[in-house]
C-alpha atoms as a PDB file:
ATOM      1  CA  MET A   1      13.443   2.627  -4.741  1.00  0.00           C
ATOM      2  CA  MET A   2      15.166   4.814  -2.173  1.00  0.00           C
ATOM      3  CA  PHE A   3      12.927   7.269  -0.286  1.00  0.00           C
ATOM      4  CA  SER A   4      13.251  10.978  -0.894  1.00  0.00           C
ATOM      5  CA  PRO A   5      10.812  13.808  -0.208  1.00  0.00           C
ATOM      6  CA  ASN A   6      10.763  14.630  -3.915  1.00  0.00           C
ATOM      7  CA  ARG A   7       9.731  11.054  -4.755  1.00  0.00           C
ATOM      8  CA  ALA A   8       6.924  11.272  -2.185  1.00  0.00           C
ATOM      9  CA  ILE A   9       5.808  14.593  -3.657  1.00  0.00           C
ATOM     10  CA  GLU A  10       5.485  12.943  -7.087  1.00  0.00           C
ATOM     11  CA  ILE A  11       2.802  10.616  -5.726  1.00  0.00           C
ATOM     12  CA  LEU A  12       1.191  13.196  -3.444  1.00  0.00           C
ATOM     13  CA  ARG A  13       0.908  15.742  -6.255  1.00  0.00           C
ATOM     14  CA  ALA A  14      -0.787  13.206  -8.548  1.00  0.00           C
ATOM     15  CA  THR A  15      -3.457  12.037  -6.119  1.00  0.00           C
ATOM     16  CA  PRO A  16      -6.002  14.881  -6.467  1.00  0.00           C
ATOM     17  CA  GLY A  17      -6.007  14.569 -10.270  1.00  0.00           C
ATOM     18  CA  THR A  18      -6.218  10.793 -10.045  1.00  0.00           C
ATOM     19  CA  LEU A  19      -9.262  11.019  -7.798  1.00  0.00           C
ATOM     20  CA  GLN A  20     -10.868  13.653 -10.017  1.00  0.00           C
ATOM     21  CA  ALA A  21     -10.330  11.434 -13.064  1.00  0.00           C
ATOM     22  CA  MET A  22     -11.640   8.321 -11.288  1.00  0.00           C
ATOM     23  CA  LEU A  23     -14.640   9.858  -9.562  1.00  0.00           C
ATOM     24  CA  GLY A  24     -15.444  13.328 -10.858  1.00  0.00           C
ATOM     25  CA  GLU A  25     -17.874  12.279 -13.580  1.00  0.00           C
ATOM     26  CA  LEU A  26     -19.444   9.289 -11.847  1.00  0.00           C
ATOM     27  CA  PRO A  27     -22.996   9.435 -10.524  1.00  0.00           C
ATOM     28  CA  THR A  28     -23.624   8.991  -6.805  1.00  0.00           C
ATOM     29  CA  GLU A  29     -24.774   5.422  -7.458  1.00  0.00           C
ATOM     30  CA  TRP A  30     -21.059   4.597  -7.884  1.00  0.00           C
ATOM     31  CA  THR A  31     -19.486   6.983  -5.392  1.00  0.00           C
ATOM     32  CA  GLU A  32     -21.849   6.596  -2.451  1.00  0.00           C
ATOM     33  CA  SER A  33     -22.268   2.838  -2.548  1.00  0.00           C
ATOM     34  CA  ALA A  34     -20.309   0.724  -0.087  1.00  0.00           C
ATOM     35  CA  PRO A  35     -18.975  -2.696  -0.984  1.00  0.00           C
ATOM     36  CA  GLU A  36     -21.143  -5.653  -0.055  1.00  0.00           C
ATOM     37  CA  GLY A  37     -20.470  -6.540   3.543  1.00  0.00           C
ATOM     38  CA  GLY A  38     -19.687  -2.928   4.468  1.00  0.00           C
ATOM     39  CA  GLY A  39     -16.793  -0.591   4.151  1.00  0.00           C
ATOM     40  CA  TRP A  40     -16.182   2.942   3.032  1.00  0.00           C
ATOM     41  CA  THR A  41     -17.652   4.440  -0.089  1.00  0.00           C
ATOM     42  CA  PRO A  42     -15.418   6.444  -2.445  1.00  0.00           C
ATOM     43  CA  PHE A  43     -17.145   9.554  -1.002  1.00  0.00           C
ATOM     44  CA  ASP A  44     -16.075   8.491   2.510  1.00  0.00           C
ATOM     45  CA  VAL A  45     -12.488   7.908   1.391  1.00  0.00           C
ATOM     46  CA  VAL A  46     -12.178  11.413  -0.077  1.00  0.00           C
ATOM     47  CA  GLY A  47     -13.532  12.848   3.184  1.00  0.00           C
ATOM     48  CA  HIS A  48     -10.960  10.802   5.100  1.00  0.00           C
ATOM     49  CA  LEU A  49      -8.147  12.130   2.900  1.00  0.00           C
ATOM     50  CA  ILE A  50      -9.319  15.696   3.599  1.00  0.00           C
ATOM     51  CA  HIS A  51      -9.249  15.076   7.333  1.00  0.00           C
ATOM     52  CA  GLY A  52      -5.703  13.736   6.987  1.00  0.00           C
ATOM     53  CA  GLU A  53      -4.619  16.859   5.118  1.00  0.00           C
ATOM     54  CA  GLU A  54      -6.011  19.015   7.915  1.00  0.00           C
ATOM     55  CA  THR A  55      -4.871  17.113  10.990  1.00  0.00           C
ATOM     56  CA  ASP A  56      -2.280  14.465  10.183  1.00  0.00           C
ATOM     57  CA  TRP A  57       0.667  14.800   7.817  1.00  0.00           C
ATOM     58  CA  ILE A  58       1.928  18.378   8.011  1.00  0.00           C
ATOM     59  CA  PRO A  59       0.820  18.912  11.633  1.00  0.00           C
ATOM     60  CA  ARG A  60       2.693  15.780  12.689  1.00  0.00           C
ATOM     61  CA  LEU A  61       5.742  16.761  10.649  1.00  0.00           C
ATOM     62  CA  ARG A  62       5.763  20.113  12.427  1.00  0.00           C
ATOM     63  CA  ILE A  63       5.606  18.334  15.796  1.00  0.00           C
ATOM     64  CA  ILE A  64       8.642  16.251  14.824  1.00  0.00           C
ATOM     65  CA  LEU A  65      10.577  19.312  13.651  1.00  0.00           C
ATOM     66  CA  GLU A  66       9.654  21.495  16.629  1.00  0.00           C
ATOM     67  CA  HIS A  67       9.389  19.044  19.545  1.00  0.00           C
ATOM     68  CA  GLY A  68      10.802  15.709  18.509  1.00  0.00           C
ATOM     69  CA  PRO A  69       9.650  12.737  20.569  1.00  0.00           C
ATOM     70  CA  ALA A  70       8.984  14.948  23.604  1.00  0.00           C
ATOM     71  CA  ARG A  71       5.475  15.692  22.310  1.00  0.00           C
ATOM     72  CA  THR A  72       3.256  12.797  21.303  1.00  0.00           C
ATOM     73  CA  PHE A  73       1.224  13.317  18.133  1.00  0.00           C
ATOM     74  CA  ASP A  74      -2.438  14.122  18.590  1.00  0.00           C
ATOM     75  CA  SER A  75      -4.614  11.071  17.961  1.00  0.00           C
ATOM     76  CA  PHE A  76      -6.086  10.802  14.489  1.00  0.00           C
ATOM     77  CA  ASP A  77      -9.829  10.197  14.195  1.00  0.00           C
ATOM     78  CA  ARG A  78     -10.133   7.763  11.283  1.00  0.00           C
ATOM     79  CA  TYR A  79     -13.883   8.324  11.167  1.00  0.00           C
ATOM     80  CA  ALA A  80     -14.158  12.125  11.370  1.00  0.00           C
ATOM     81  CA  GLN A  81     -15.141  12.317   7.698  1.00  0.00           C
ATOM     82  CA  PHE A  82     -18.605  10.933   8.363  1.00  0.00           C
ATOM     83  CA  GLU A  83     -19.616  14.063  10.238  1.00  0.00           C
ATOM     84  CA  LYS A  84     -17.408  16.572   8.427  1.00  0.00           C
ATOM     85  CA  SER A  85     -18.499  15.528   4.916  1.00  0.00           C
ATOM     86  CA  ALA A  86     -22.225  15.446   5.642  1.00  0.00           C
ATOM     87  CA  GLY A  87     -24.217  17.652   3.297  1.00  0.00           C
ATOM     88  CA  LYS A  88     -21.382  18.127   0.801  1.00  0.00           C
ATOM     89  CA  THR A  89     -21.161  16.859  -2.753  1.00  0.00           C
ATOM     90  CA  LEU A  90     -18.344  14.684  -3.950  1.00  0.00           C
ATOM     91  CA  GLN A  91     -17.180  17.484  -6.257  1.00  0.00           C
ATOM     92  CA  GLU A  92     -16.986  19.835  -3.269  1.00  0.00           C
ATOM     93  CA  LEU A  93     -14.851  17.259  -1.460  1.00  0.00           C
ATOM     94  CA  LEU A  94     -12.593  16.724  -4.463  1.00  0.00           C
ATOM     95  CA  ASP A  95     -12.079  20.495  -4.805  1.00  0.00           C
ATOM     96  CA  GLU A  96     -11.420  20.880  -1.077  1.00  0.00           C
ATOM     97  CA  PHE A  97      -8.931  18.023  -1.129  1.00  0.00           C
ATOM     98  CA  GLU A  98      -7.099  19.481  -4.121  1.00  0.00           C
ATOM     99  CA  GLY A  99      -6.731  22.874  -2.419  1.00  0.00           C
ATOM    100  CA  LEU A 100      -5.561  21.408   0.887  1.00  0.00           C
ATOM    101  CA  ARG A 101      -3.089  19.104  -0.838  1.00  0.00           C
ATOM    102  CA  ARG A 102      -1.668  21.958  -2.933  1.00  0.00           C
ATOM    103  CA  ARG A 103      -1.116  24.062   0.204  1.00  0.00           C
ATOM    104  CA  ASN A 104       0.415  21.158   2.131  1.00  0.00           C
ATOM    105  CA  LEU A 105       2.837  20.395  -0.693  1.00  0.00           C
ATOM    106  CA  GLU A 106       3.822  24.062  -0.816  1.00  0.00           C
ATOM    107  CA  THR A 107       4.516  23.874   2.928  1.00  0.00           C
ATOM    108  CA  LEU A 108       6.528  20.687   2.483  1.00  0.00           C
ATOM    109  CA  ARG A 109       8.644  22.267  -0.259  1.00  0.00           C
ATOM    110  CA  GLU A 110       9.188  25.416   1.841  1.00  0.00           C
ATOM    111  CA  LEU A 111      10.532  23.291   4.708  1.00  0.00           C
ATOM    112  CA  GLU A 112      13.388  22.145   2.418  1.00  0.00           C
ATOM    113  CA  LEU A 113      13.942  19.014   4.461  1.00  0.00           C
ATOM    114  CA  GLY A 114      17.442  17.648   4.356  1.00  0.00           C
ATOM    115  CA  ALA A 115      18.922  14.390   5.541  1.00  0.00           C
ATOM    116  CA  ASP A 116      19.288  15.772   9.082  1.00  0.00           C
ATOM    117  CA  GLN A 117      15.572  16.532   9.355  1.00  0.00           C
ATOM    118  CA  LEU A 118      14.413  13.256   7.777  1.00  0.00           C
ATOM    119  CA  VAL A 119      15.949  11.196  10.591  1.00  0.00           C
ATOM    120  CA  LEU A 120      14.333  13.282  13.336  1.00  0.00           C
ATOM    121  CA  ARG A 121      11.999  11.279  15.510  1.00  0.00           C
ATOM    122  CA  GLY A 122       8.460  11.772  16.698  1.00  0.00           C
ATOM    123  CA  ASN A 123       6.191   9.884  19.039  1.00  0.00           C
ATOM    124  CA  HIS A 124       3.076   8.284  17.569  1.00  0.00           C
ATOM    125  CA  PRO A 125       0.364   7.555  20.181  1.00  0.00           C
ATOM    126  CA  GLU A 126      -0.056   3.935  19.022  1.00  0.00           C
ATOM    127  CA  LEU A 127       3.109   3.056  17.092  1.00  0.00           C
ATOM    128  CA  GLY A 128       5.755   4.667  19.258  1.00  0.00           C
ATOM    129  CA  THR A 129       8.878   6.174  17.716  1.00  0.00           C
ATOM    130  CA  VAL A 130       8.701   7.151  14.042  1.00  0.00           C
ATOM    131  CA  THR A 131      10.920   9.283  11.825  1.00  0.00           C
ATOM    132  CA  ALA A 132      10.067  12.199   9.570  1.00  0.00           C
ATOM    133  CA  SER A 133      10.997  10.121   6.519  1.00  0.00           C
ATOM    134  CA  GLN A 134       8.673   7.318   7.651  1.00  0.00           C
ATOM    135  CA  LEU A 135       5.854   9.825   8.091  1.00  0.00           C
ATOM    136  CA  LEU A 136       6.357  11.219   4.584  1.00  0.00           C
ATOM    137  CA  ALA A 137       6.660   7.766   3.014  1.00  0.00           C
ATOM    138  CA  THR A 138       3.485   6.714   4.809  1.00  0.00           C
ATOM    139  CA  TRP A 139       1.666   9.799   3.509  1.00  0.00           C
ATOM    140  CA  ALA A 140       2.372   8.755  -0.090  1.00  0.00           C
ATOM    141  CA  VAL A 141       1.609   5.071   0.492  1.00  0.00           C
ATOM    142  CA  HIS A 142      -1.582   6.059   2.358  1.00  0.00           C
ATOM    143  CA  ASP A 143      -2.729   7.817  -0.831  1.00  0.00           C
ATOM    144  CA  LEU A 144      -1.974   4.739  -2.935  1.00  0.00           C
ATOM    145  CA  ASN A 145      -3.752   2.521  -0.417  1.00  0.00           C
ATOM    146  CA  HIS A 146      -6.926   4.603  -0.643  1.00  0.00           C
ATOM    147  CA  ILE A 147      -6.778   4.868  -4.435  1.00  0.00           C
ATOM    148  CA  ALA A 148      -6.638   1.060  -4.518  1.00  0.00           C
ATOM    149  CA  GLN A 149      -9.500   0.926  -1.995  1.00  0.00           C
ATOM    150  CA  ILE A 150     -11.643   3.144  -4.224  1.00  0.00           C
ATOM    151  CA  ALA A 151     -10.826   1.070  -7.317  1.00  0.00           C
ATOM    152  CA  ARG A 152     -11.685  -2.117  -5.455  1.00  0.00           C
ATOM    153  CA  THR A 153     -14.974  -0.698  -4.163  1.00  0.00           C
ATOM    154  CA  LEU A 154     -15.959   0.334  -7.687  1.00  0.00           C
ATOM    155  CA  ALA A 155     -14.957  -3.064  -9.086  1.00  0.00           C
ATOM    156  CA  LEU A 156     -16.846  -4.977  -6.405  1.00  0.00           C
ATOM    157  CA  SER A 157     -20.035  -3.224  -7.508  1.00  0.00           C
ATOM    158  CA  TRP A 158     -20.065  -5.487 -10.562  1.00  0.00           C
ATOM    159  CA  ALA A 159     -18.334  -8.560  -9.185  1.00  0.00           C
ATOM    160  CA  PRO A 160     -21.308 -10.863  -9.806  1.00  0.00           C
ATOM    161  CA  GLU A 161     -21.789  -9.511 -13.330  1.00  0.00           C
ATOM    162  CA  VAL A 162     -18.334 -10.522 -14.595  1.00  0.00           C
ATOM    163  CA  GLY A 163     -19.248 -14.184 -14.319  1.00  0.00           C
ATOM    164  CA  PRO A 164     -16.406 -16.654 -14.851  1.00  0.00           C
ATOM    165  CA  TRP A 165     -13.883 -13.876 -15.602  1.00  0.00           C
ATOM    166  CA  ARG A 166     -13.799 -13.200 -11.854  1.00  0.00           C
ATOM    167  CA  GLU A 167     -11.070 -15.858 -11.704  1.00  0.00           C
ATOM    168  CA  TYR A 168      -8.779 -13.534 -13.704  1.00  0.00           C
ATOM    169  CA  LEU A 169      -9.573 -10.326 -11.819  1.00  0.00           C
ATOM    170  CA  GLY A 170      -7.334 -10.028  -8.782  1.00  0.00           C
ATOM    171  CA  ILE A 171      -9.124  -6.877  -7.644  1.00  0.00           C
ATOM    172  CA  LEU A 172     -12.192  -8.995  -6.878  1.00  0.00           C
ATOM    173  CA  ARG A 173     -10.350 -11.458  -4.638  1.00  0.00           C
ATOM    174  CA  GLU A 174      -9.935 -10.881  -0.913  1.00  0.00           C
END
């Protein structure tokens, strides 16, 4: 499928509702339990998505549009959620994420990016040169990656209980 901002928006718009449907009614036993061997809980993932909404996608897009590769993106702290989410409930995080995402999508629509803007380049501190279209595509795929991560974490909670059916459940395989 060919990339377009509108296609990315379709995924980005759906994510808050998807997370609410997946997690909103679950007790903390599900949402604050990490997979065996470590990893992020669903609670941690939602906090991470919030931090991305605040400091990553739209701020980096603005850097591309205003400065191009002359200004390197600010580094992204992949672990900021642990401090920022402390003391909050999952429902508070889900509501915060939904509001931030709605505002960021409004901003994205207002920018009315055309083909000329999508090829503009920015400078990522670790990856080097990236384009606006790559940033937007990554934003959508990042959502899908973390939705899959949450589903996998939930599934792994009962991996031993499925017995021999584990063979048929790809989500339980590394």
